[in-house]
PDB file of N, CA and C in Angstrom:
ATOM      1  N   ASN A   1     -41.347 159.128  59.984  1.00  0.00           N
ATOM      2  CA  ASN A   1     -40.932 157.380  59.306  1.00  0.00           C
ATOM      3  C   ASN A   1     -42.373 156.632  58.810  1.00  0.00           C
ATOM      4  N   GLY A   2     -43.261 156.948  57.788  1.00  0.00           N
ATOM      5  CA  GLY A   2     -44.241 156.403  57.533  1.00  0.00           C
ATOM      6  C   GLY A   2     -43.643 155.044  56.319  1.00  0.00           C
ATOM      7  N   LEU A   3     -44.328 154.908  55.888  1.00  0.00           N
ATOM      8  CA  LEU A   3     -44.569 153.388  55.164  1.00  0.00           C
ATOM      9  C   LEU A   3     -45.101 154.706  53.484  1.00  0.00           C
ATOM     10  N   ILE A   4     -43.973 153.901  52.523  1.00  0.00           N
ATOM     11  CA  ILE A   4     -43.976 154.946  51.196  1.00  0.00           C
ATOM     12  C   ILE A   4     -43.885 153.171  49.957  1.00  0.00           C
ATOM     13  N   GLY A   5     -44.941 153.269  49.501  1.00  0.00           N
ATOM     14  CA  GLY A   5     -45.242 152.635  48.203  1.00  0.00           C
ATOM     15  C   GLY A   5     -44.224 152.675  47.176  1.00  0.00           C
ATOM     16  N   VAL A   6     -43.399 151.623  46.895  1.00  0.00           N
ATOM     17  CA  VAL A   6     -42.422 151.701  45.918  1.00  0.00           C
ATOM     18  C   VAL A   6     -43.113 150.117  44.658  1.00  0.00           C
ATOM     19  N   GLN A   7     -43.117 150.990  43.210  1.00  0.00           N
ATOM     20  CA  GLN A   7     -43.361 149.989  42.431  1.00  0.00           C
ATOM     21  C   GLN A   7     -42.084 148.749  42.119  1.00  0.00           C
ATOM     22  N   GLY A   8     -42.475 147.713  42.145  1.00  0.00           N
ATOM     23  CA  GLY A   8     -41.455 146.297  41.716  1.00  0.00           C
ATOM     24  C   GLY A   8     -40.953 146.744  40.492  1.00  0.00           C
ATOM     25  N   ASN A   9     -39.735 145.947  40.324  1.00  0.00           N
ATOM     26  CA  ASN A   9     -39.236 145.835  38.670  1.00  0.00           C
ATOM     27  C   ASN A   9     -40.454 146.401  37.735  1.00  0.00           C
ATOM     28  N   GLU A  10     -39.889 147.343  37.070  1.00  0.00           N
ATOM     29  CA  GLU A  10     -40.895 147.312  36.134  1.00  0.00           C
ATOM     30  C   GLU A  10     -40.596 146.245  34.714  1.00  0.00           C
ATOM     31  N   ILE A  11     -39.592 145.558  34.847  1.00  0.00           N
ATOM     32  CA  ILE A  11     -39.532 144.625  33.493  1.00  0.00           C
ATOM     33  C   ILE A  11     -39.881 143.313  34.663  1.00  0.00           C
ATOM     34  N   GLN A  12     -40.359 142.574  34.179  1.00  0.00           N
ATOM     35  CA  GLN A  12     -40.910 141.457  34.927  1.00  0.00           C
ATOM     36  C   GLN A  12     -39.911 139.432  34.813  1.00  0.00           C
ATOM     37  N   ASN A  13     -39.808 139.371  35.521  1.00  0.00           N
ATOM     38  CA  ASN A  13     -39.395 137.851  34.756  1.00  0.00           C
ATOM     39  C   ASN A  13     -40.058 136.888  34.726  1.00  0.00           C
ATOM     40  N   GLN A  14     -40.122 135.795  34.691  1.00  0.00           N
ATOM     41  CA  GLN A  14     -41.141 134.311  34.555  1.00  0.00           C
ATOM     42  C   GLN A  14     -42.248 134.609  36.170  1.00  0.00           C
ATOM     43  N   ILE A  15     -41.114 135.087  37.186  1.00  0.00           N
ATOM     44  CA  ILE A  15     -42.626 134.652  38.331  1.00  0.00           C
ATOM     45  C   ILE A  15     -42.280 135.940  38.898  1.00  0.00           C
ATOM     46  N   GLY A  16     -41.731 137.085  38.350  1.00  0.00           N
ATOM     47  CA  GLY A  16     -42.147 138.569  39.355  1.00  0.00           C
ATOM     48  C   GLY A  16     -43.719 138.915  38.724  1.00  0.00           C
ATOM     49  N   ASN A  17     -44.235 139.895  39.960  1.00  0.00           N
ATOM     50  CA  ASN A  17     -45.454 140.083  39.801  1.00  0.00           C
ATOM     51  C   ASN A  17     -45.542 141.412  39.748  1.00  0.00           C
ATOM     52  N   GLY A  18     -44.744 142.403  40.137  1.00  0.00           N
ATOM     53  CA  GLY A  18     -44.773 143.987  40.220  1.00  0.00           C
ATOM     54  C   GLY A  18     -45.419 144.135  41.220  1.00  0.00           C
ATOM     55  N   ASN A  19     -45.827 143.233  42.518  1.00  0.00           N
ATOM     56  CA  ASN A  19     -46.585 144.245  43.439  1.00  0.00           C
ATOM     57  C   ASN A  19     -46.160 145.422  44.021  1.00  0.00           C
ATOM     58  N   LEU A  20     -46.861 146.084  44.723  1.00  0.00           N
ATOM     59  CA  LEU A  20     -46.173 147.162  45.569  1.00  0.00           C
ATOM     60  C   LEU A  20     -45.716 146.656  46.442  1.00  0.00           C
ATOM     61  N   VAL A  21     -44.565 147.249  47.287  1.00  0.00           N
ATOM     62  CA  VAL A  21     -44.335 146.852  48.259  1.00  0.00           C
ATOM     63  C   VAL A  21     -44.198 148.521  49.113  1.00  0.00           C
ATOM     64  N   ALA A  22     -43.881 147.829  50.135  1.00  0.00           N
ATOM     65  CA  ALA A  22     -43.428 149.454  51.161  1.00  0.00           C
ATOM     66  C   ALA A  22     -42.482 149.292  51.715  1.00  0.00           C
ATOM     67  N   ILE A  23     -41.981 150.125  52.268  1.00  0.00           N
ATOM     68  CA  ILE A  23     -40.745 150.473  52.432  1.00  0.00           C
ATOM     69  C   ILE A  23     -40.570 151.843  53.464  1.00  0.00           C
ATOM     70  N   ARG A  24     -39.662 151.144  54.747  1.00  0.00           N
ATOM     71  CA  ARG A  24     -39.822 152.394  55.792  1.00  0.00           C
ATOM     72  C   ARG A  24     -39.033 153.707  55.393  1.00  0.00           C
ATOM     73  N   ALA A  25     -39.586 154.755  55.269  1.00  0.00           N
ATOM     74  CA  ALA A  25     -38.907 156.042  54.801  1.00  0.00           C
ATOM     75  C   ALA A  25     -38.202 156.812  56.021  1.00  0.00           C
ATOM     76  N   GLU A  26     -36.973 156.924  55.896  1.00  0.00           N
ATOM     77  CA  GLU A  26     -36.197 157.399  56.780  1.00  0.00           C
ATOM     78  C   GLU A  26     -35.060 157.873  55.870  1.00  0.00           C
ATOM     79  N   GLY A  27     -34.104 159.033  56.964  1.00  0.00           N
ATOM     80  CA  GLY A  27     -33.298 159.519  56.411  1.00  0.00           C
ATOM     81  C   GLY A  27     -33.387 161.205  56.621  1.00  0.00           C
ATOM     82  N   ASN A  28     -32.652 162.099  55.900  1.00  0.00           N
ATOM     83  CA  ASN A  28     -33.103 163.235  55.973  1.00  0.00           C
ATOM     84  C   ASN A  28     -33.584 163.981  54.904  1.00  0.00           C
ATOM     85  N   ALA A  29     -33.449 165.518  54.927  1.00  0.00           N
ATOM     86  CA  ALA A  29     -34.664 165.805  53.703  1.00  0.00           C
ATOM     87  C   ALA A  29     -34.117 165.819  52.437  1.00  0.00           C
ATOM     88  N   VAL A  30     -32.491 165.617  52.244  1.00  0.00           N
ATOM     89  CA  VAL A  30     -31.873 165.497  50.968  1.00  0.00           C
ATOM     90  C   VAL A  30     -32.497 163.856  50.246  1.00  0.00           C
ATOM     91  N   GLY A  31     -33.227 163.174  51.100  1.00  0.00           N
ATOM     92  CA  GLY A  31     -33.705 162.387  50.432  1.00  0.00           C
ATOM     93  C   GLY A  31     -33.164 160.758  50.279  1.00  0.00           C
ATOM     94  N   HIS A  32     -31.991 160.939  51.289  1.00  0.00           N
ATOM     95  CA  HIS A  32     -31.456 159.761  51.808  1.00  0.00           C
ATOM     96  C   HIS A  32     -31.747 158.314  52.854  1.00  0.00           C
ATOM     97  N   ASN A  33     -32.226 157.684  51.883  1.00  0.00           N
ATOM     98  CA  ASN A  33     -32.838 156.475  52.681  1.00  0.00           C
ATOM     99  C   ASN A  33     -32.444 155.436  53.076  1.00  0.00           C
ATOM    100  N   ARG A  34     -31.948 154.647  54.661  1.00  0.00           N
ATOM    101  CA  ARG A  34     -31.502 153.803  54.711  1.00  0.00           C
ATOM    102  C   ARG A  34     -31.891 152.722  54.730  1.00  0.00           C
ATOM    103  N   ASN A  35     -33.371 152.549  54.910  1.00  0.00           N
ATOM    104  CA  ASN A  35     -34.087 150.934  55.085  1.00  0.00           C
ATOM    105  C   ASN A  35     -34.807 150.800  53.754  1.00  0.00           C
ATOM    106  N   GLN A  36     -33.751 150.899  52.650  1.00  0.00           N
ATOM    107  CA  GLN A  36     -34.796 150.498  51.369  1.00  0.00           C
ATOM    108  C   GLN A  36     -34.511 149.223  50.627  1.00  0.00           C
ATOM    109  N   ILE A  37     -35.625 148.305  50.683  1.00  0.00           N
ATOM    110  CA  ILE A  37     -35.046 147.080  50.277  1.00  0.00           C
ATOM    111  C   ILE A  37     -33.831 147.174  49.300  1.00  0.00           C
ATOM    112  N   ARG A  38     -33.619 145.738  49.029  1.00  0.00           N
ATOM    113  CA  ARG A  38     -32.025 145.349  48.476  1.00  0.00           C
ATOM    114  C   ARG A  38     -32.109 144.353  48.289  1.00  0.00           C
ATOM    115  N   CYS A  39     -31.536 144.290  46.860  1.00  0.00           N
ATOM    116  CA  CYS A  39     -32.009 142.790  46.276  1.00  0.00           C
ATOM    117  C   CYS A  39     -30.728 141.570  46.665  1.00  0.00           C
ATOM    118  N   TYR A  40     -30.978 140.366  46.912  1.00  0.00           N
ATOM    119  CA  TYR A  40     -29.820 139.322  47.129  1.00  0.00           C
ATOM    120  C   TYR A  40     -29.123 138.902  46.273  1.00  0.00           C
ATOM    121  N   ASN A  41     -29.724 139.317  44.800  1.00  0.00           N
ATOM    122  CA  ASN A  41     -28.748 138.891  43.540  1.00  0.00           C
ATOM    123  C   ASN A  41     -27.858 139.774  42.818  1.00  0.00           C
ATOM    124  N   CYS A  42     -28.137 140.778  42.999  1.00  0.00           N
ATOM    125  CA  CYS A  42     -27.446 141.999  42.168  1.00  0.00           C
ATOM    126  C   CYS A  42     -27.222 143.310  42.989  1.00  0.00           C
ATOM    127  N   ARG A  43     -27.454 143.215  44.731  1.00  0.00           N
ATOM    128  CA  ARG A  43     -27.303 143.952  45.747  1.00  0.00           C
ATOM    129  C   ARG A  43     -27.841 145.483  45.146  1.00  0.00           C
ATOM    130  N   GLY A  44     -29.192 145.286  43.798  1.00  0.00           N
ATOM    131  CA  GLY A  44     -29.314 146.825  43.905  1.00  0.00           C
ATOM    132  C   GLY A  44     -30.703 147.405  44.496  1.00  0.00           C
ATOM    133  N   ILE A  45     -30.901 148.332  44.713  1.00  0.00           N
ATOM    134  CA  ILE A  45     -31.981 148.921  45.929  1.00  0.00           C
ATOM    135  C   ILE A  45     -33.184 149.258  44.862  1.00  0.00           C
ATOM    136  N   GLY A  46     -34.161 148.866  45.759  1.00  0.00           N
ATOM    137  CA  GLY A  46     -35.932 148.943  45.302  1.00  0.00           C
ATOM    138  C   GLY A  46     -36.279 148.046  44.507  1.00  0.00           C
ATOM    139  N   HIS A  47     -35.712 146.716  44.758  1.00  0.00           N
ATOM    140  CA  HIS A  47     -36.543 145.285  44.301  1.00  0.00           C
ATOM    141  C   HIS A  47     -36.294 144.256  45.074  1.00  0.00           C
ATOM    142  N   TYR A  48     -36.662 143.224  45.192  1.00  0.00           N
ATOM    143  CA  TYR A  48     -36.738 142.001  45.580  1.00  0.00           C
ATOM    144  C   TYR A  48     -36.086 140.949  44.577  1.00  0.00           C
ATOM    145  N   ALA A  49     -34.848 140.102  44.819  1.00  0.00           N
ATOM    146  CA  ALA A  49     -34.549 139.102  44.279  1.00  0.00           C
ATOM    147  C   ALA A  49     -35.135 138.065  43.815  1.00  0.00           C
ATOM    148  N   ARG A  50     -36.787 137.754  44.077  1.00  0.00           N
ATOM    149  CA  ARG A  50     -37.733 137.679  43.133  1.00  0.00           C
ATOM    150  C   ARG A  50     -37.704 138.139  42.040  1.00  0.00           C
ATOM    151  N   ASN A  51     -38.111 139.558  41.901  1.00  0.00           N
ATOM    152  CA  ASN A  51     -38.183 140.501  40.843  1.00  0.00           C
ATOM    153  C   ASN A  51     -36.769 141.040  40.167  1.00  0.00           C
ATOM    154  N   CYS A  52     -35.566 140.432  40.284  1.00  0.00           N
ATOM    155  CA  CYS A  52     -34.735 141.033  39.441  1.00  0.00           C
ATOM    156  C   CYS A  52     -34.376 140.201  37.896  1.00  0.00           C
ATOM    157  N   THR A  53     -33.603 140.898  37.657  1.00  0.00           N
ATOM    158  CA  THR A  53     -33.682 140.359  35.899  1.00  0.00           C
ATOM    159  C   THR A  53     -31.986 140.315  35.952  1.00  0.00           C
ATOM    160  N   ALA A  54     -31.304 140.762  37.101  1.00  0.00           N
ATOM    161  CA  ALA A  54     -29.890 140.493  36.772  1.00  0.00           C
ATOM    162  C   ALA A  54     -29.728 138.974  36.969  1.00  0.00           C
ATOM    163  N   ARG A  55     -28.258 137.954  36.578  1.00  0.00           N
ATOM    164  CA  ARG A  55     -28.421 137.134  36.772  1.00  0.00           C
ATOM    165  C   ARG A  55     -27.944 136.541  38.167  1.00  0.00           C
ATOM    166  N   PRO A  56     -28.702 135.861  39.322  1.00  0.00           N
ATOM    167  CA  PRO A  56     -28.357 135.531  40.123  1.00  0.00           C
ATOM    168  C   PRO A  56     -26.590 135.080  40.550  1.00  0.00           C
ATOM    169  N   ARG A  57     -25.956 135.664  42.272  1.00  0.00           N
ATOM    170  CA  ARG A  57     -24.834 135.765  42.226  1.00  0.00           C
ATOM    171  C   ARG A  57     -24.587 134.270  42.995  1.00  0.00           C
ATOM    172  N   GLY A  58     -23.511 133.460  42.643  1.00  0.00           N
ATOM    173  CA  GLY A  58     -23.170 132.157  42.886  1.00  0.00           C
ATOM    174  C   GLY A  58     -23.117 132.716  44.895  1.00  0.00           C
ATOM    175  N   ARG A  59     -23.661 131.316  45.363  1.00  0.00           N
ATOM    176  CA  ARG A  59     -23.764 131.375  46.514  1.00  0.00           C
ATOM    177  C   ARG A  59     -22.377 130.823  47.060  1.00  0.00           C
ATOM    178  N   ASP A  60     -21.952 132.021  47.916  1.00  0.00           N
ATOM    179  CA  ASP A  60     -20.412 131.784  48.034  1.00  0.00           C
ATOM    180  C   ASP A  60     -20.891 131.455  50.066  1.00  0.00           C
ATOM    181  N   ALA A  61     -19.286 131.631  50.839  1.00  0.00           N
ATOM    182  CA  ALA A  61     -19.480 131.049  52.167  1.00  0.00           C
ATOM    183  C   ALA A  61     -20.634 132.024  53.052  1.00  0.00           C
ATOM    184  N   ALA A  62     -20.753 133.138  52.806  1.00  0.00           N
ATOM    185  CA  ALA A  62     -21.457 134.131  53.647  1.00  0.00           C
ATOM    186  C   ALA A  62     -22.453 133.917  53.494  1.00  0.00           C
ATOM    187  N   TYR A  63     -22.839 133.874  52.180  1.00  0.00           N
ATOM    188  CA  TYR A  63     -24.911 133.295  52.046  1.00  0.00           C
ATOM    189  C   TYR A  63     -25.047 132.170  52.699  1.00  0.00           C
ATOM    190  N   LEU A  64     -24.558 130.840  52.927  1.00  0.00           N
ATOM    191  CA  LEU A  64     -24.652 129.841  52.995  1.00  0.00           C
ATOM    192  C   LEU A  64     -24.653 129.784  54.705  1.00  0.00           C
ATOM    193  N   GLN A  65     -23.547 130.683  55.058  1.00  0.00           N
ATOM    194  CA  GLN A  65     -23.336 130.827  56.577  1.00  0.00           C
ATOM    195  C   GLN A  65     -25.032 131.312  57.052  1.00  0.00           C
ATOM    196  N   THR A  66     -25.650 132.601  56.154  1.00  0.00           N
ATOM    197  CA  THR A  66     -26.907 133.457  56.624  1.00  0.00           C
ATOM    198  C   THR A  66     -27.497 132.401  56.429  1.00  0.00           C
ATOM    199  N   GLN A  67     -27.541 131.284  55.419  1.00  0.00           N
ATOM    200  CA  GLN A  67     -28.982 130.409  55.000  1.00  0.00           C
ATOM    201  C   GLN A  67     -28.920 129.379  56.603  1.00  0.00           C
ATOM    202  N   LEU A  68     -27.740 129.119  56.944  1.00  0.00           N
ATOM    203  CA  LEU A  68     -27.914 128.206  57.453  1.00  0.00           C
ATOM    204  C   LEU A  68     -28.261 128.805  59.188  1.00  0.00           C
ATOM    205  N   LEU A  69     -27.823 130.049  59.717  1.00  0.00           N
ATOM    206  CA  LEU A  69     -28.239 130.771  60.505  1.00  0.00           C
ATOM    207  C   LEU A  69     -29.950 131.015  61.242  1.00  0.00           C
ATOM    208  N   ILE A  70     -30.132 131.407  59.709  1.00  0.00           N
ATOM    209  CA  ILE A  70     -31.612 131.862  59.615  1.00  0.00           C
ATOM    210  C   ILE A  70     -32.651 130.439  59.510  1.00  0.00           C
ATOM    211  N   THR A  71     -31.935 129.268  59.228  1.00  0.00           N
ATOM    212  CA  THR A  71     -32.931 127.908  59.386  1.00  0.00           C
ATOM    213  C   THR A  71     -32.745 127.670  60.740  1.00  0.00           C
ATOM    214  N   GLN A  72     -31.652 127.754  61.643  1.00  0.00           N
ATOM    215  CA  GLN A  72     -31.386 127.344  63.100  1.00  0.00           C
ATOM    216  C   GLN A  72     -32.405 128.503  63.887  1.00  0.00           C
ATOM    217  N   LYS A  73     -32.592 129.722  63.797  1.00  0.00           N
ATOM    218  CA  LYS A  73     -33.242 130.401  64.291  1.00  0.00           C
ATOM    219  C   LYS A  73     -34.626 130.021  64.139  1.00  0.00           C
ATOM    220  N   GLU A  74     -35.429 129.840  62.545  1.00  0.00           N
ATOM    221  CA  GLU A  74     -36.659 128.989  62.430  1.00  0.00           C
ATOM    222  C   GLU A  74     -36.757 127.518  63.198  1.00  0.00           C
ATOM    223  N   GLU A  75     -36.050 126.506  62.926  1.00  0.00           N
ATOM    224  CA  GLU A  75     -36.102 125.889  64.114  1.00  0.00           C
ATOM    225  C   GLU A  75     -36.190 125.888  65.579  1.00  0.00           C
ATOM    226  N   ALA A  76     -35.591 126.798  65.875  1.00  0.00           N
ATOM    227  CA  ALA A  76     -35.810 127.155  67.387  1.00  0.00           C
ATOM    228  C   ALA A  76     -37.138 127.815  67.927  1.00  0.00           C
ATOM    229  N   GLY A  77     -37.596 128.479  67.070  1.00  0.00           N
ATOM    230  CA  GLY A  77     -38.782 128.850  67.229  1.00  0.00           C
ATOM    231  C   GLY A  77     -38.376 130.753  67.308  1.00  0.00           C
ATOM    232  N   ILE A  78     -37.215 131.315  66.900  1.00  0.00           N
ATOM    233  CA  ILE A  78     -37.172 132.345  67.491  1.00  0.00           C
ATOM    234  C   ILE A  78     -37.699 133.159  65.935  1.00  0.00           C
ATOM    235  N   GLN A  79     -38.259 134.513  66.709  1.00  0.00           N
ATOM    236  CA  GLN A  79     -39.355 135.134  65.618  1.00  0.00           C
ATOM    237  C   GLN A  79     -38.165 135.906  64.353  1.00  0.00           C
ATOM    238  N   LEU A  80     -37.835 135.762  63.018  1.00  0.00           N
ATOM    239  CA  LEU A  80     -37.344 136.240  62.065  1.00  0.00           C
ATOM    240  C   LEU A  80     -37.151 137.535  61.559  1.00  0.00           C
ATOM    241  N   GLN A  81     -36.496 138.334  61.223  1.00  0.00           N
ATOM    242  CA  GLN A  81     -36.638 139.652  60.727  1.00  0.00           C
ATOM    243  C   GLN A  81     -37.696 139.207  59.588  1.00  0.00           C
ATOM    244  N   ALA A  82     -37.846 140.718  58.756  1.00  0.00           N
ATOM    245  CA  ALA A  82     -38.366 140.891  57.572  1.00  0.00           C
ATOM    246  C   ALA A  82     -37.328 140.672  56.468  1.00  0.00           C
ATOM    247  N   LYS A  83     -36.235 140.857  56.620  1.00  0.00           N
ATOM    248  CA  LYS A  83     -34.809 140.485  55.684  1.00  0.00           C
ATOM    249  C   LYS A  83     -35.209 139.602  55.638  1.00  0.00           C
ATOM    250  N   GLU A  84     -34.731 138.593  56.913  1.00  0.00           N
ATOM    251  CA  GLU A  84     -34.555 136.982  56.750  1.00  0.00           C
ATOM    252  C   GLU A  84     -35.587 136.238  55.958  1.00  0.00           C
ATOM    253  N   TYR A  85     -37.082 136.577  56.422  1.00  0.00           N
ATOM    254  CA  TYR A  85     -38.261 136.135  55.412  1.00  0.00           C
ATOM    255  C   TYR A  85     -37.819 136.156  54.376  1.00  0.00           C
ATOM    256  N   ASP A  86     -37.537 137.473  53.743  1.00  0.00           N
ATOM    257  CA  ASP A  86     -37.560 137.880  52.198  1.00  0.00           C
ATOM    258  C   ASP A  86     -36.291 137.072  51.326  1.00  0.00           C
ATOM    259  N   LEU A  87     -35.070 136.814  52.696  1.00  0.00           N
ATOM    260  CA  LEU A  87     -34.090 135.700  51.955  1.00  0.00           C
ATOM    261  C   LEU A  87     -34.319 134.286  51.787  1.00  0.00           C
ATOM    262  N   MET A  88     -35.562 133.847  52.581  1.00  0.00           N
ATOM    263  CA  MET A  88     -35.831 132.589  52.437  1.00  0.00           C
ATOM    264  C   MET A  88     -36.578 132.710  51.424  1.00  0.00           C
ATOM    265  N   ALA A  89     -38.134 133.451  51.171  1.00  0.00           N
ATOM    266  CA  ALA A  89     -38.757 133.274  49.837  1.00  0.00           C
ATOM    267  C   ALA A  89     -37.853 133.129  48.199  1.00  0.00           C
ATOM    268  N   ALA A  90     -36.472 133.751  48.704  1.00  0.00           N
ATOM    269  CA  ALA A  90     -35.956 134.502  47.595  1.00  0.00           C
ATOM    270  C   ALA A  90     -35.224 132.695  47.101  1.00  0.00           C
ATOM    271  N   VAL A  91     -34.954 132.298  48.198  1.00  0.00           N
ATOM    272  CA  VAL A  91     -34.188 131.028  48.005  1.00  0.00           C
ATOM    273  C   VAL A  91     -34.901 129.999  47.593  1.00  0.00           C
ATOM    274  N   ALA A  92     -36.351 129.988  47.846  1.00  0.00           N
ATOM    275  CA  ALA A  92     -37.508 129.071  47.393  1.00  0.00           C
ATOM    276  C   ALA A  92     -37.620 129.365  46.007  1.00  0.00           C
ATOM    277  N   ASP A  93     -37.329 130.655  45.992  1.00  0.00           N
ATOM    278  CA  ASP A  93     -37.825 131.038  43.857  1.00  0.00           C
ATOM    279  C   ASP A  93     -36.803 131.134  43.059  1.00  0.00           C
ATOM    280  N   LEU A  94     -35.504 130.559  43.754  1.00  0.00           N
ATOM    281  CA  LEU A  94     -34.201 130.597  42.876  1.00  0.00           C
ATOM    282  C   LEU A  94     -34.255 129.161  43.005  1.00  0.00           C
ATOM    283  N   ASP A  95     -34.684 128.448  43.860  1.00  0.00           N
ATOM    284  CA  ASP A  95     -34.699 126.733  43.445  1.00  0.00           C
ATOM    285  C   ASP A  95     -35.639 126.267  42.500  1.00  0.00           C
ATOM    286  N   GLU A  96     -37.023 127.072  42.865  1.00  0.00           N
ATOM    287  CA  GLU A  96     -38.156 126.935  41.804  1.00  0.00           C
ATOM    288  C   GLU A  96     -37.372 126.699  40.549  1.00  0.00           C
ATOM    289  N   ILE A  97     -37.148 127.724  39.920  1.00  0.00           N
ATOM    290  CA  ILE A  97     -36.620 128.242  38.645  1.00  0.00           C
ATOM    291  C   ILE A  97     -35.527 127.322  38.611  1.00  0.00           C
ATOM    292  N   GLU A  98     -34.267 126.690  39.282  1.00  0.00           N
ATOM    293  CA  GLU A  98     -33.530 125.933  39.210  1.00  0.00           C
ATOM    294  C   GLU A  98     -34.389 124.762  38.209  1.00  0.00           C
ATOM    295  N   ASP A  99     -35.066 124.407  39.519  1.00  0.00           N
ATOM    296  CA  ASP A  99     -36.080 123.080  39.127  1.00  0.00           C
ATOM    297  C   ASP A  99     -36.588 123.095  37.318  1.00  0.00           C
ATOM    298  N   VAL A 100     -37.403 123.950  37.505  1.00  0.00           N
ATOM    299  CA  VAL A 100     -37.508 124.335  36.072  1.00  0.00           C
ATOM    300  C   VAL A 100     -36.995 124.179  34.977  1.00  0.00           C
ATOM    301  N   ASN A 101     -35.797 124.940  35.134  1.00  0.00           N
ATOM    302  CA  ASN A 101     -34.987 124.942  33.898  1.00  0.00           C
ATOM    303  C   ASN A 101     -34.087 123.531  33.806  1.00  0.00           C
ATOM    304  N   ALA A 102     -34.167 122.525  34.967  1.00  0.00           N
ATOM    305  CA  ALA A 102     -33.655 121.761  34.740  1.00  0.00           C
ATOM    306  C   ALA A 102     -34.355 120.690  33.962  1.00  0.00           C
ATOM    307  N   ASN A 103     -35.755 120.990  34.400  1.00  0.00           N
ATOM    308  CA  ASN A 103     -36.627 119.913  33.450  1.00  0.00           C
ATOM    309  C   ASN A 103     -37.224 120.333  32.128  1.00  0.00           C
ATOM    310  N   CYS A 104     -36.707 121.942  31.576  1.00  0.00           N
ATOM    311  CA  CYS A 104     -36.887 122.372  30.558  1.00  0.00           C
ATOM    312  C   CYS A 104     -36.022 121.409  29.568  1.00  0.00           C
ATOM    313  N   ILE A 105     -34.659 121.479  30.310  1.00  0.00           N
ATOM    314  CA  ILE A 105     -33.510 120.616  29.544  1.00  0.00           C
ATOM    315  C   ILE A 105     -33.720 119.444  29.128  1.00  0.00           C
ATOM    316  N   LEU A 106     -34.304 118.731  30.085  1.00  0.00           N
ATOM    317  CA  LEU A 106     -34.655 117.225  30.202  1.00  0.00           C
ATOM    318  C   LEU A 106     -35.434 117.039  28.789  1.00  0.00           C
ATOM    319  N   MET A 107     -36.720 117.995  29.022  1.00  0.00           N
ATOM    320  CA  MET A 107     -37.485 117.722  27.891  1.00  0.00           C
ATOM    321  C   MET A 107     -37.152 118.172  26.540  1.00  0.00           C
ATOM    322  N   ALA A 108     -36.044 118.820  26.309  1.00  0.00           N
ATOM    323  CA  ALA A 108     -35.352 119.030  25.308  1.00  0.00           C
ATOM    324  C   ALA A 108     -35.073 118.015  24.585  1.00  0.00           C
ATOM    325  N   ASN A 109     -34.037 117.417  25.472  1.00  0.00           N
ATOM    326  CA  ASN A 109     -33.140 116.720  25.129  1.00  0.00           C
ATOM    327  C   ASN A 109     -33.928 115.143  24.804  1.00  0.00           C
ATOM    328  N   LEU A 110     -35.300 114.955  25.733  1.00  0.00           N
ATOM    329  CA  LEU A 110     -35.903 113.792  25.272  1.00  0.00           C
ATOM    330  C   LEU A 110     -36.553 114.012  23.529  1.00  0.00           C
ATOM    331  N   GLN A 111     -36.845 115.218  23.350  1.00  0.00           N
ATOM    332  CA  GLN A 111     -37.480 115.217  22.170  1.00  0.00           C
ATOM    333  C   GLN A 111     -36.889 115.396  21.257  1.00  0.00           C
ATOM    334  N   GLN A 112     -35.333 115.806  21.537  1.00  0.00           N
ATOM    335  CA  GLN A 112     -34.394 115.300  20.465  1.00  0.00           C
ATOM    336  C   GLN A 112     -34.151 113.967  20.112  1.00  0.00           C
ATOM    337  N   ALA A 113     -34.109 113.555  20.997  1.00  0.00           N
ATOM    338  CA  ALA A 113     -33.817 111.855  20.962  1.00  0.00           C
ATOM    339  C   ALA A 113     -35.201 111.246  20.371  1.00  0.00           C
ATOM    340  N   SER A 114     -35.950 111.803  20.542  1.00  0.00           N
ATOM    341  CA  SER A 114     -37.508 111.048  19.657  1.00  0.00           C
ATOM    342  C   SER A 114     -37.119 111.112  18.694  1.00  0.00           C
ATOM    343  N   SER A 115     -37.039 112.362  18.166  1.00  0.00           N
ATOM    344  CA  SER A 115     -37.152 112.914  16.679  1.00  0.00           C
ATOM    345  C   SER A 115     -36.021 112.495  16.105  1.00  0.00           C
ATOM    346  N   SER A 116     -34.775 112.339  16.346  1.00  0.00           N
ATOM    347  CA  SER A 116     -34.320 111.682  15.593  1.00  0.00           C
ATOM    348  C   SER A 116     -34.355 110.451  15.560  1.00  0.00           C
ATOM    349  N   GLY A 117     -35.001 109.424  16.441  1.00  0.00           N
ATOM    350  CA  GLY A 117     -34.963 108.101  16.352  1.00  0.00           C
ATOM    351  C   GLY A 117     -33.308 107.365  16.396  1.00  0.00           C
ATOM    352  N   THR A 118     -33.860 106.270  16.564  1.00  0.00           N
ATOM    353  CA  THR A 118     -32.918 105.422  17.038  1.00  0.00           C
ATOM    354  C   THR A 118     -32.705 104.486  15.616  1.00  0.00           C
ATOM    355  N   GLN A 119     -31.232 104.727  15.574  1.00  0.00           N
ATOM    356  CA  GLN A 119     -30.233 104.029  14.224  1.00  0.00           C
ATOM    357  C   GLN A 119     -30.350 102.826  14.064  1.00  0.00           C
ATOM    358  N   THR A 120     -30.817 101.887  14.111  1.00  0.00           N
ATOM    359  CA  THR A 120     -30.789 100.020  14.372  1.00  0.00           C
ATOM    360  C   THR A 120     -29.607  99.421  12.867  1.00  0.00           C
ATOM    361  N   ASP A 121     -28.915  98.382  13.050  1.00  0.00           N
ATOM    362  CA  ASP A 121     -28.484  98.280  11.987  1.00  0.00           C
ATOM    363  C   ASP A 121     -29.048  97.397  11.237  1.00  0.00           C
ATOM    364  N   SER A 122     -28.571  97.512  10.143  1.00  0.00           N
ATOM    365  CA  SER A 122     -30.502  96.456   8.914  1.00  0.00           C
ATOM    366  C   SER A 122     -29.679  95.232   8.633  1.00  0.00           C
ATOM    367  N   THR A 123     -28.508  94.827   9.122  1.00  0.00           N
ATOM    368  CA  THR A 123     -27.361  93.808   8.669  1.00  0.00           C
ATOM    369  C   THR A 123     -27.971  92.425   9.431  1.00  0.00           C
ATOM    370  N   PRO A 124     -28.150  91.246   9.276  1.00  0.00           N
ATOM    371  CA  PRO A 124     -28.969  90.306   9.975  1.00  0.00           C
ATOM    372  C   PRO A 124     -28.112  89.721  11.294  1.00  0.00           C
TER     373      PRO A 124
END
């Protein structure tokens, strides 16, 4: 039951850093490992949501309920599990990406509006 280093996702997104993460090696000799890192976006194994290149899934009722329970535990001073910390970090990263995307869209719209200029009526 030692720890094994697993390289993060080879294809990096804007905020992914490819850090080496540790997983607990459990299972049988065939190589079945039950405690691997699982991505909250694509449900893939071996990488965190912040390093995922797949499009994030929509936030459904189960996701929101899980998020609420984690927040309530945190406010009550109950120690969170590692996977709950990972979920909180993934949510923060996703919110940051959404903010950056919104800012980029706003800047593009402002630039387009300023480059096209305002059309004025030349009649007196």
